[in-house]
Amino acid sequence: SGQSAGTGALRTPALRVLNAIDTSYLKRRDKLKVVLARADEQQKRT
C-alpha cells in the first residue's frame, strides 16, 4: 500500500515466522525420534 518504503519492514517478521517454522519442524523431528526409539524397543521385546 506504500506505507513502508522497502522490504526491511518485512524482513524481521519473515525471520520470526521462519524461526517459528524451524522450531516446529525440529520438535516434530525429535518426536519422530522418540517414536522410532519406542518402536525399536518394541521390536526388541518382540
All heavy atoms as atom14 arrays in JSON, in Angstrom:
{
  "sequence": "SGQSAGTGALRTPALRVLNAIDTSYLKRRDKLKVVLARADEQQKRT",
  "atom14_mask": [
    [1, 1, 1, 1, 1, 1, 0, 0, 0, 0, 0, 0, 0, 0],
    [1, 1, 1, 1, 0, 0, 0, 0, 0, 0, 0, 0, 0, 0],
    [1, 1, 1, 1, 1, 1, 1, 1, 1, 0, 0, 0, 0, 0],
    [1, 1, 1, 1, 1, 1, 0, 0, 0, 0, 0, 0, 0, 0],
    [1, 1, 1, 1, 1, 0, 0, 0, 0, 0, 0, 0, 0, 0],
    [1, 1, 1, 1, 0, 0, 0, 0, 0, 0, 0, 0, 0, 0],
    [1, 1, 1, 1, 1, 1, 1, 0, 0, 0, 0, 0, 0, 0],
    [1, 1, 1, 1, 0, 0, 0, 0, 0, 0, 0, 0, 0, 0],
    [1, 1, 1, 1, 1, 0, 0, 0, 0, 0, 0, 0, 0, 0],
    [1, 1, 1, 1, 1, 1, 1, 1, 0, 0, 0, 0, 0, 0],
    [1, 1, 1, 1, 1, 1, 1, 1, 1, 1, 1, 0, 0, 0],
    [1, 1, 1, 1, 1, 1, 1, 0, 0, 0, 0, 0, 0, 0],
    [1, 1, 1, 1, 1, 1, 1, 0, 0, 0, 0, 0, 0, 0],
    [1, 1, 1, 1, 1, 0, 0, 0, 0, 0, 0, 0, 0, 0],
    [1, 1, 1, 1, 1, 1, 1, 1, 0, 0, 0, 0, 0, 0],
    [1, 1, 1, 1, 1, 1, 1, 1, 1, 1, 1, 0, 0, 0],
    [1, 1, 1, 1, 1, 1, 1, 0, 0, 0, 0, 0, 0, 0],
    [1, 1, 1, 1, 1, 1, 1, 1, 0, 0, 0, 0, 0, 0],
    [1, 1, 1, 1, 1, 1, 1, 1, 0, 0, 0, 0, 0, 0],
    [1, 1, 1, 1, 1, 0, 0, 0, 0, 0, 0, 0, 0, 0],
    [1, 1, 1, 1, 1, 1, 1, 1, 0, 0, 0, 0, 0, 0],
    [1, 1, 1, 1, 1, 1, 1, 1, 0, 0, 0, 0, 0, 0],
    [1, 1, 1, 1, 1, 1, 1, 0, 0, 0, 0, 0, 0, 0],
    [1, 1, 1, 1, 1, 1, 0, 0, 0, 0, 0, 0, 0, 0],
    [1, 1, 1, 1, 1, 1, 1, 1, 1, 1, 1, 1, 0, 0],
    [1, 1, 1, 1, 1, 1, 1, 1, 0, 0, 0, 0, 0, 0],
    [1, 1, 1, 1, 1, 1, 1, 1, 1, 0, 0, 0, 0, 0],
    [1, 1, 1, 1, 1, 1, 1, 1, 1, 1, 1, 0, 0, 0],
    [1, 1, 1, 1, 1, 1, 1, 1, 1, 1, 1, 0, 0, 0],
    [1, 1, 1, 1, 1, 1, 1, 1, 0, 0, 0, 0, 0, 0],
    [1, 1, 1, 1, 1, 1, 1, 1, 1, 0, 0, 0, 0, 0],
    [1, 1, 1, 1, 1, 1, 1, 1, 0, 0, 0, 0, 0, 0],
    [1, 1, 1, 1, 1, 1, 1, 1, 1, 0, 0, 0, 0, 0],
    [1, 1, 1, 1, 1, 1, 1, 0, 0, 0, 0, 0, 0, 0],
    [1, 1, 1, 1, 1, 1, 1, 0, 0, 0, 0, 0, 0, 0],
    [1, 1, 1, 1, 1, 1, 1, 1, 0, 0, 0, 0, 0, 0],
    [1, 1, 1, 1, 1, 0, 0, 0, 0, 0, 0, 0, 0, 0],
    [1, 1, 1, 1, 1, 1, 1, 1, 1, 1, 1, 0, 0, 0],
    [1, 1, 1, 1, 1, 0, 0, 0, 0, 0, 0, 0, 0, 0],
    [1, 1, 1, 1, 1, 1, 1, 1, 0, 0, 0, 0, 0, 0],
    [1, 1, 1, 1, 1, 1, 1, 1, 1, 0, 0, 0, 0, 0],
    [1, 1, 1, 1, 1, 1, 1, 1, 1, 0, 0, 0, 0, 0],
    [1, 1, 1, 1, 1, 1, 1, 1, 1, 0, 0, 0, 0, 0],
    [1, 1, 1, 1, 1, 1, 1, 1, 1, 0, 0, 0, 0, 0],
    [1, 1, 1, 1, 1, 1, 1, 1, 1, 1, 1, 0, 0, 0],
    [1, 1, 1, 1, 1, 1, 1, 0, 0, 0, 0, 0, 0, 0]
  ],
  "atom14_positions": [
    [[0.81, -1.21, 0.0], [0.0, 0.0, 0.0], [0.85, 1.27, 0.0], [0.33, 2.37, -0.06], [-0.93, 0.0, 1.21], [-0.18, 0.04, 2.41], [0.0, 0.0, 0.0], [0.0, 0.0, 0.0], [0.0, 0.0, 0.0], [0.0, 0.0, 0.0], [0.0, 0.0, 0.0], [0.0, 0.0, 0.0], [0.0, 0.0, 0.0], [0.0, 0.0, 0.0]],
    [[2.17, 1.11, 0.1], [3.06, 2.26, 0.07], [3.36, 2.83, 1.44], [4.08, 3.82, 1.54], [0.0, 0.0, 0.0], [0.0, 0.0, 0.0], [0.0, 0.0, 0.0], [0.0, 0.0, 0.0], [0.0, 0.0, 0.0], [0.0, 0.0, 0.0], [0.0, 0.0, 0.0], [0.0, 0.0, 0.0], [0.0, 0.0, 0.0], [0.0, 0.0, 0.0]],
    [[2.83, 2.25, 2.5], [3.1, 2.77, 3.84], [4.52, 2.46, 4.3], [5.04, 3.11, 5.18], [2.11, 2.18, 4.84], [0.65, 2.55, 4.54], [-0.31, 1.92, 5.55], [0.02, 1.8, 6.71], [-1.49, 1.55, 5.09], [0.0, 0.0, 0.0], [0.0, 0.0, 0.0], [0.0, 0.0, 0.0], [0.0, 0.0, 0.0], [0.0, 0.0, 0.0]],
    [[5.12, 1.42, 3.72], [6.52, 1.1, 4.0], [7.29, 1.2, 2.7], [6.85, 0.7, 1.66], [6.65, -0.31, 4.58], [5.99, -0.38, 5.83], [0.0, 0.0, 0.0], [0.0, 0.0, 0.0], [0.0, 0.0, 0.0], [0.0, 0.0, 0.0], [0.0, 0.0, 0.0], [0.0, 0.0, 0.0], [0.0, 0.0, 0.0], [0.0, 0.0, 0.0]],
    [[8.48, 1.79, 2.75], [9.21, 2.09, 1.53], [10.02, 0.91, 1.01], [10.28, 0.81, -0.18], [10.15, 3.28, 1.76], [0.0, 0.0, 0.0], [0.0, 0.0, 0.0], [0.0, 0.0, 0.0], [0.0, 0.0, 0.0], [0.0, 0.0, 0.0], [0.0, 0.0, 0.0], [0.0, 0.0, 0.0], [0.0, 0.0, 0.0], [0.0, 0.0, 0.0]],
    [[10.46, 0.01, 1.85], [11.31, -1.07, 1.4], [10.95, -2.38, 2.06], [9.97, -2.49, 2.8], [0.0, 0.0, 0.0], [0.0, 0.0, 0.0], [0.0, 0.0, 0.0], [0.0, 0.0, 0.0], [0.0, 0.0, 0.0], [0.0, 0.0, 0.0], [0.0, 0.0, 0.0], [0.0, 0.0, 0.0], [0.0, 0.0, 0.0], [0.0, 0.0, 0.0]],
    [[11.75, -3.41, 1.76], [11.49, -4.75, 2.3], [12.03, -4.91, 3.71], [11.86, -5.97, 4.3], [12.14, -5.81, 1.4], [13.56, -5.54, 1.31], [11.53, -5.79, 0.03], [0.0, 0.0, 0.0], [0.0, 0.0, 0.0], [0.0, 0.0, 0.0], [0.0, 0.0, 0.0], [0.0, 0.0, 0.0], [0.0, 0.0, 0.0], [0.0, 0.0, 0.0]],
    [[12.67, -3.88, 4.25], [13.18, -4.0, 5.62], [12.09, -4.26, 6.63], [12.28, -4.98, 7.6], [0.0, 0.0, 0.0], [0.0, 0.0, 0.0], [0.0, 0.0, 0.0], [0.0, 0.0, 0.0], [0.0, 0.0, 0.0], [0.0, 0.0, 0.0], [0.0, 0.0, 0.0], [0.0, 0.0, 0.0], [0.0, 0.0, 0.0], [0.0, 0.0, 0.0]],
    [[10.9, -3.65, 6.38], [9.78, -3.86, 7.31], [9.28, -5.3, 7.28], [8.65, -5.75, 8.23], [8.64, -2.9, 6.96], [0.0, 0.0, 0.0], [0.0, 0.0, 0.0], [0.0, 0.0, 0.0], [0.0, 0.0, 0.0], [0.0, 0.0, 0.0], [0.0, 0.0, 0.0], [0.0, 0.0, 0.0], [0.0, 0.0, 0.0], [0.0, 0.0, 0.0]],
    [[9.53, -6.01, 6.18], [9.09, -7.41, 6.08], [10.13, -8.39, 6.61], [9.8, -9.51, 6.96], [8.79, -7.76, 4.61], [7.44, -7.31, 4.06], [7.34, -7.68, 2.59], [6.31, -7.95, 4.83], [0.0, 0.0, 0.0], [0.0, 0.0, 0.0], [0.0, 0.0, 0.0], [0.0, 0.0, 0.0], [0.0, 0.0, 0.0], [0.0, 0.0, 0.0]],
    [[11.39, -7.96, 6.62], [12.45, -8.92, 6.92], [12.34, -9.48, 8.33], [12.45, -10.67, 8.56], [13.8, -8.23, 6.72], [14.98, -9.21, 6.69], [16.22, -8.53, 6.18], [15.96, -7.94, 4.86], [16.57, -6.83, 4.44], [17.43, -6.2, 5.2], [16.3, -6.34, 3.25], [0.0, 0.0, 0.0], [0.0, 0.0, 0.0], [0.0, 0.0, 0.0]],
    [[12.11, -8.59, 9.3], [12.04, -9.06, 10.7], [10.88, -10.0, 10.94], [11.07, -11.1, 11.48], [11.97, -7.85, 11.65], [13.16, -7.06, 11.49], [11.85, -8.31, 13.09], [0.0, 0.0, 0.0], [0.0, 0.0, 0.0], [0.0, 0.0, 0.0], [0.0, 0.0, 0.0], [0.0, 0.0, 0.0], [0.0, 0.0, 0.0], [0.0, 0.0, 0.0]],
    [[9.61, -9.65, 10.55], [8.53, -10.63, 10.76], [8.73, -11.91, 9.97], [8.34, -12.98, 10.41], [7.27, -9.85, 10.31], [7.77, -8.7, 9.51], [9.12, -8.35, 10.05], [0.0, 0.0, 0.0], [0.0, 0.0, 0.0], [0.0, 0.0, 0.0], [0.0, 0.0, 0.0], [0.0, 0.0, 0.0], [0.0, 0.0, 0.0], [0.0, 0.0, 0.0]],
    [[9.36, -11.8, 8.77], [9.59, -13.02, 7.98], [10.56, -13.94, 8.7], [10.36, -15.16, 8.75], [10.13, -12.65, 6.61], [0.0, 0.0, 0.0], [0.0, 0.0, 0.0], [0.0, 0.0, 0.0], [0.0, 0.0, 0.0], [0.0, 0.0, 0.0], [0.0, 0.0, 0.0], [0.0, 0.0, 0.0], [0.0, 0.0, 0.0], [0.0, 0.0, 0.0]],
    [[11.63, -13.35, 9.26], [12.58, -14.18, 10.0], [11.94, -14.81, 11.23], [12.24, -15.95, 11.58], [13.78, -13.32, 10.42], [14.73, -12.89, 9.29], [15.81, -11.96, 9.82], [15.36, -14.12, 8.63], [0.0, 0.0, 0.0], [0.0, 0.0, 0.0], [0.0, 0.0, 0.0], [0.0, 0.0, 0.0], [0.0, 0.0, 0.0], [0.0, 0.0, 0.0]],
    [[11.03, -14.08, 11.87], [10.34, -14.66, 13.03], [9.49, -15.85, 12.62], [9.47, -16.88, 13.3], [9.47, -13.59, 13.68], [10.26, -12.51, 14.42], [9.34, -11.41, 14.92], [10.07, -10.36, 15.62], [9.55, -9.19, 15.97], [8.28, -8.95, 15.7], [10.29, -8.28, 16.59], [0.0, 0.0, 0.0], [0.0, 0.0, 0.0], [0.0, 0.0, 0.0]],
    [[8.78, -15.71, 11.5], [7.95, -16.83, 11.04], [8.83, -18.01, 10.66], [8.54, -19.17, 10.99], [7.09, -16.38, 9.84], [6.29, -17.58, 9.3], [6.13, -15.27, 10.25], [0.0, 0.0, 0.0], [0.0, 0.0, 0.0], [0.0, 0.0, 0.0], [0.0, 0.0, 0.0], [0.0, 0.0, 0.0], [0.0, 0.0, 0.0], [0.0, 0.0, 0.0]],
    [[9.95, -17.74, 9.97], [10.85, -18.83, 9.58], [11.41, -19.53, 10.81], [11.51, -20.77, 10.85], [11.99, -18.27, 8.73], [11.61, -17.85, 7.3], [12.79, -17.17, 6.62], [11.16, -19.05, 6.48], [0.0, 0.0, 0.0], [0.0, 0.0, 0.0], [0.0, 0.0, 0.0], [0.0, 0.0, 0.0], [0.0, 0.0, 0.0], [0.0, 0.0, 0.0]],
    [[11.77, -18.75, 11.82], [12.27, -19.37, 13.06], [11.2, -20.21, 13.73], [11.47, -21.29, 14.26], [12.77, -18.28, 14.02], [14.05, -17.62, 13.55], [14.81, -18.23, 12.8], [14.3, -16.4, 13.96], [0.0, 0.0, 0.0], [0.0, 0.0, 0.0], [0.0, 0.0, 0.0], [0.0, 0.0, 0.0], [0.0, 0.0, 0.0], [0.0, 0.0, 0.0]],
    [[9.95, -19.73, 13.7], [8.85, -20.5, 14.31], [8.62, -21.79, 13.54], [8.37, -22.85, 14.13], [7.58, -19.65, 14.32], [0.0, 0.0, 0.0], [0.0, 0.0, 0.0], [0.0, 0.0, 0.0], [0.0, 0.0, 0.0], [0.0, 0.0, 0.0], [0.0, 0.0, 0.0], [0.0, 0.0, 0.0], [0.0, 0.0, 0.0], [0.0, 0.0, 0.0]],
    [[8.71, -21.71, 12.2], [8.54, -22.93, 11.38], [9.66, -23.92, 11.7], [9.41, -25.12, 11.89], [8.54, -22.57, 9.89], [7.28, -21.75, 9.54], [8.59, -23.82, 9.03], [7.27, -21.21, 8.13], [0.0, 0.0, 0.0], [0.0, 0.0, 0.0], [0.0, 0.0, 0.0], [0.0, 0.0, 0.0], [0.0, 0.0, 0.0], [0.0, 0.0, 0.0]],
    [[10.9, -23.43, 11.74], [12.03, -24.32, 12.03], [11.91, -24.93, 13.41], [12.23, -26.11, 13.61], [13.34, -23.53, 11.92], [13.65, -23.11, 10.49], [13.07, -23.72, 9.57], [14.45, -22.19, 10.31], [0.0, 0.0, 0.0], [0.0, 0.0, 0.0], [0.0, 0.0, 0.0], [0.0, 0.0, 0.0], [0.0, 0.0, 0.0], [0.0, 0.0, 0.0]],
    [[11.42, -24.13, 14.4], [11.24, -24.68, 15.74], [10.21, -25.81, 15.75], [10.42, -26.86, 16.36], [10.79, -23.55, 16.7], [11.8, -22.54, 16.73], [10.58, -24.1, 18.1], [0.0, 0.0, 0.0], [0.0, 0.0, 0.0], [0.0, 0.0, 0.0], [0.0, 0.0, 0.0], [0.0, 0.0, 0.0], [0.0, 0.0, 0.0], [0.0, 0.0, 0.0]],
    [[9.09, -25.59, 15.06], [8.05, -26.63, 14.99], [8.58, -27.87, 14.28], [8.31, -29.0, 14.7], [6.82, -26.09, 14.25], [6.21, -25.03, 14.97], [0.0, 0.0, 0.0], [0.0, 0.0, 0.0], [0.0, 0.0, 0.0], [0.0, 0.0, 0.0], [0.0, 0.0, 0.0], [0.0, 0.0, 0.0], [0.0, 0.0, 0.0], [0.0, 0.0, 0.0]],
    [[9.35, -27.63, 13.2], [9.92, -28.77, 12.47], [10.85, -29.58, 13.35], [10.8, -30.82, 13.4], [10.67, -28.26, 11.24], [11.56, -29.3, 10.61], [11.03, -30.36, 9.88], [12.95, -29.23, 10.79], [11.85, -31.32, 9.33], [13.77, -30.19, 10.23], [13.23, -31.22, 9.51], [14.04, -32.18, 8.97], [0.0, 0.0, 0.0], [0.0, 0.0, 0.0]],
    [[11.72, -28.9, 14.11], [12.66, -29.62, 14.97], [11.93, -30.38, 16.07], [12.33, -31.5, 16.42], [13.65, -28.62, 15.59], [14.64, -27.98, 14.6], [15.48, -26.92, 15.3], [15.53, -29.03, 13.96], [0.0, 0.0, 0.0], [0.0, 0.0, 0.0], [0.0, 0.0, 0.0], [0.0, 0.0, 0.0], [0.0, 0.0, 0.0], [0.0, 0.0, 0.0]],
    [[10.86, -29.8, 16.61], [10.1, -30.51, 17.65], [9.5, -31.79, 17.09], [9.52, -32.84, 17.75], [8.99, -29.6, 18.18], [9.49, -28.48, 19.09], [8.33, -27.66, 19.64], [8.83, -26.57, 20.59], [7.72, -25.75, 21.12], [0.0, 0.0, 0.0], [0.0, 0.0, 0.0], [0.0, 0.0, 0.0], [0.0, 0.0, 0.0], [0.0, 0.0, 0.0]],
    [[8.97, -31.7, 15.88], [8.35, -32.91, 15.31], [9.4, -33.92, 14.88], [9.15, -35.12, 14.92], [7.46, -32.5, 14.13], [6.09, -32.08, 14.64], [5.4, -31.04, 13.81], [4.17, -30.65, 14.48], [4.13, -29.78, 15.48], [5.24, -29.21, 15.9], [2.98, -29.48, 16.06], [0.0, 0.0, 0.0], [0.0, 0.0, 0.0], [0.0, 0.0, 0.0]],
    [[10.57, -33.45, 14.49], [11.64, -34.39, 14.19], [12.07, -35.13, 15.44], [12.3, -36.35, 15.43], [12.83, -33.65, 13.58], [13.92, -34.6, 13.07], [15.1, -33.85, 12.54], [15.79, -33.13, 13.62], [16.89, -32.41, 13.44], [17.41, -32.29, 12.23], [17.45, -31.78, 14.46], [0.0, 0.0, 0.0], [0.0, 0.0, 0.0], [0.0, 0.0, 0.0]],
    [[12.19, -34.38, 16.57], [12.54, -35.03, 17.83], [11.46, -36.01, 18.27], [11.75, -37.08, 18.82], [12.75, -33.97, 18.93], [13.97, -33.11, 18.66], [14.84, -33.56, 17.9], [14.03, -32.0, 19.21], [0.0, 0.0, 0.0], [0.0, 0.0, 0.0], [0.0, 0.0, 0.0], [0.0, 0.0, 0.0], [0.0, 0.0, 0.0], [0.0, 0.0, 0.0]],
    [[10.2, -35.63, 18.0], [9.1, -36.54, 18.35], [9.18, -37.82, 17.54], [8.93, -38.92, 18.05], [7.76, -35.83, 18.1], [6.55, -36.66, 18.5], [5.26, -35.89, 18.27], [4.04, -36.73, 18.66], [2.78, -35.99, 18.43], [0.0, 0.0, 0.0], [0.0, 0.0, 0.0], [0.0, 0.0, 0.0], [0.0, 0.0, 0.0], [0.0, 0.0, 0.0]],
    [[9.56, -37.7, 16.26], [9.72, -38.88, 15.43], [10.81, -39.79, 15.98], [10.69, -41.02, 15.97], [10.07, -38.47, 13.99], [8.91, -38.02, 13.11], [9.43, -37.59, 11.76], [7.88, -39.13, 12.95], [0.0, 0.0, 0.0], [0.0, 0.0, 0.0], [0.0, 0.0, 0.0], [0.0, 0.0, 0.0], [0.0, 0.0, 0.0], [0.0, 0.0, 0.0]],
    [[11.91, -39.17, 16.48], [12.98, -39.98, 17.04], [12.49, -40.75, 18.26], [12.86, -41.91, 18.46], [14.15, -39.08, 17.41], [14.9, -38.51, 16.22], [16.09, -37.68, 16.66], [16.85, -37.13, 15.47], [18.01, -36.29, 15.89], [0.0, 0.0, 0.0], [0.0, 0.0, 0.0], [0.0, 0.0, 0.0], [0.0, 0.0, 0.0], [0.0, 0.0, 0.0]],
    [[11.66, -40.1, 19.09], [11.12, -40.78, 20.27], [10.24, -41.95, 19.85], [10.31, -43.05, 20.42], [10.33, -39.78, 21.15], [9.6, -40.51, 22.26], [11.26, -38.74, 21.73], [0.0, 0.0, 0.0], [0.0, 0.0, 0.0], [0.0, 0.0, 0.0], [0.0, 0.0, 0.0], [0.0, 0.0, 0.0], [0.0, 0.0, 0.0], [0.0, 0.0, 0.0]],
    [[9.39, -41.71, 18.83], [8.51, -42.78, 18.35], [9.33, -43.93, 17.78], [9.03, -45.12, 18.02], [7.54, -42.23, 17.3], [6.72, -43.35, 16.67], [6.6, -41.2, 17.93], [0.0, 0.0, 0.0], [0.0, 0.0, 0.0], [0.0, 0.0, 0.0], [0.0, 0.0, 0.0], [0.0, 0.0, 0.0], [0.0, 0.0, 0.0], [0.0, 0.0, 0.0]],
    [[10.37, -43.6, 17.03], [11.23, -44.65, 16.47], [11.94, -45.43, 17.57], [12.1, -46.64, 17.47], [12.25, -44.03, 15.51], [11.69, -43.5, 14.18], [12.79, -42.77, 13.41], [11.14, -44.65, 13.35], [0.0, 0.0, 0.0], [0.0, 0.0, 0.0], [0.0, 0.0, 0.0], [0.0, 0.0, 0.0], [0.0, 0.0, 0.0], [0.0, 0.0, 0.0]],
    [[12.36, -44.72, 18.61], [13.01, -45.42, 19.73], [12.03, -46.36, 20.42], [12.39, -47.48, 20.79], [13.57, -44.39, 20.73], [0.0, 0.0, 0.0], [0.0, 0.0, 0.0], [0.0, 0.0, 0.0], [0.0, 0.0, 0.0], [0.0, 0.0, 0.0], [0.0, 0.0, 0.0], [0.0, 0.0, 0.0], [0.0, 0.0, 0.0], [0.0, 0.0, 0.0]],
    [[10.78, -45.9, 20.58], [9.78, -46.76, 21.19], [9.5, -47.98, 20.31], [9.35, -49.11, 20.81], [8.5, -45.96, 21.42], [7.46, -46.75, 22.23], [6.34, -45.86, 22.73], [5.53, -45.35, 21.64], [5.47, -44.08, 21.28], [6.18, -43.17, 21.94], [4.7, -43.69, 20.28], [0.0, 0.0, 0.0], [0.0, 0.0, 0.0], [0.0, 0.0, 0.0]],
    [[9.44, -47.75, 19.01], [9.24, -48.88, 18.1], [10.41, -49.85, 18.15], [10.24, -51.07, 18.07], [9.04, -48.36, 16.68], [0.0, 0.0, 0.0], [0.0, 0.0, 0.0], [0.0, 0.0, 0.0], [0.0, 0.0, 0.0], [0.0, 0.0, 0.0], [0.0, 0.0, 0.0], [0.0, 0.0, 0.0], [0.0, 0.0, 0.0], [0.0, 0.0, 0.0]],
    [[11.63, -49.28, 18.3], [12.82, -50.12, 18.4], [12.75, -51.01, 19.63], [13.06, -52.21, 19.59], [14.05, -49.23, 18.44], [15.32, -50.03, 18.58], [15.45, -51.06, 17.9], [16.2, -49.63, 19.37], [0.0, 0.0, 0.0], [0.0, 0.0, 0.0], [0.0, 0.0, 0.0], [0.0, 0.0, 0.0], [0.0, 0.0, 0.0], [0.0, 0.0, 0.0]],
    [[12.34, -50.42, 20.77], [12.22, -51.2, 21.99], [11.17, -52.29, 21.85], [11.35, -53.42, 22.32], [11.87, -50.26, 23.16], [11.83, -50.94, 24.51], [13.19, -51.47, 24.92], [14.2, -50.89, 24.49], [13.24, -52.47, 25.66], [0.0, 0.0, 0.0], [0.0, 0.0, 0.0], [0.0, 0.0, 0.0], [0.0, 0.0, 0.0], [0.0, 0.0, 0.0]],
    [[10.08, -51.93, 21.2], [9.03, -52.93, 20.99], [9.52, -54.06, 20.09], [9.21, -55.24, 20.32], [7.81, -52.25, 20.36], [6.64, -53.21, 20.13], [5.44, -52.47, 19.58], [5.24, -51.3, 19.86], [4.66, -53.16, 18.77], [0.0, 0.0, 0.0], [0.0, 0.0, 0.0], [0.0, 0.0, 0.0], [0.0, 0.0, 0.0], [0.0, 0.0, 0.0]],
    [[10.32, -53.7, 19.07], [10.87, -54.73, 18.19], [11.8, -55.67, 18.95], [11.8, -56.89, 18.73], [11.62, -54.06, 17.03], [10.75, -53.29, 16.05], [9.88, -54.23, 15.23], [10.1, -55.44, 15.21], [8.86, -53.68, 14.6], [0.0, 0.0, 0.0], [0.0, 0.0, 0.0], [0.0, 0.0, 0.0], [0.0, 0.0, 0.0], [0.0, 0.0, 0.0]],
    [[12.6, -55.09, 19.87], [13.5, -55.94, 20.66], [12.72, -56.93, 21.51], [13.04, -58.12, 21.57], [14.38, -55.07, 21.55], [15.43, -54.27, 20.78], [16.25, -53.43, 21.74], [17.3, -52.63, 20.98], [18.1, -51.76, 21.88], [0.0, 0.0, 0.0], [0.0, 0.0, 0.0], [0.0, 0.0, 0.0], [0.0, 0.0, 0.0], [0.0, 0.0, 0.0]],
    [[11.68, -56.42, 22.19], [10.87, -57.32, 23.01], [10.21, -58.4, 22.16], [10.14, -59.57, 22.56], [9.8, -56.52, 23.76], [10.36, -55.63, 24.87], [9.24, -55.2, 25.81], [8.18, -54.49, 25.11], [8.14, -53.18, 24.95], [9.13, -52.42, 25.44], [7.14, -52.6, 24.31], [0.0, 0.0, 0.0], [0.0, 0.0, 0.0], [0.0, 0.0, 0.0]],
    [[9.73, -57.99, 20.99], [9.09, -58.96, 20.09], [10.06, -60.06, 19.68], [9.73, -61.25, 19.7], [8.56, -58.24, 18.83], [7.62, -57.24, 19.22], [7.89, -59.22, 17.88], [0.0, 0.0, 0.0], [0.0, 0.0, 0.0], [0.0, 0.0, 0.0], [0.0, 0.0, 0.0], [0.0, 0.0, 0.0], [0.0, 0.0, 0.0], [0.0, 0.0, 0.0]]
  ]
}
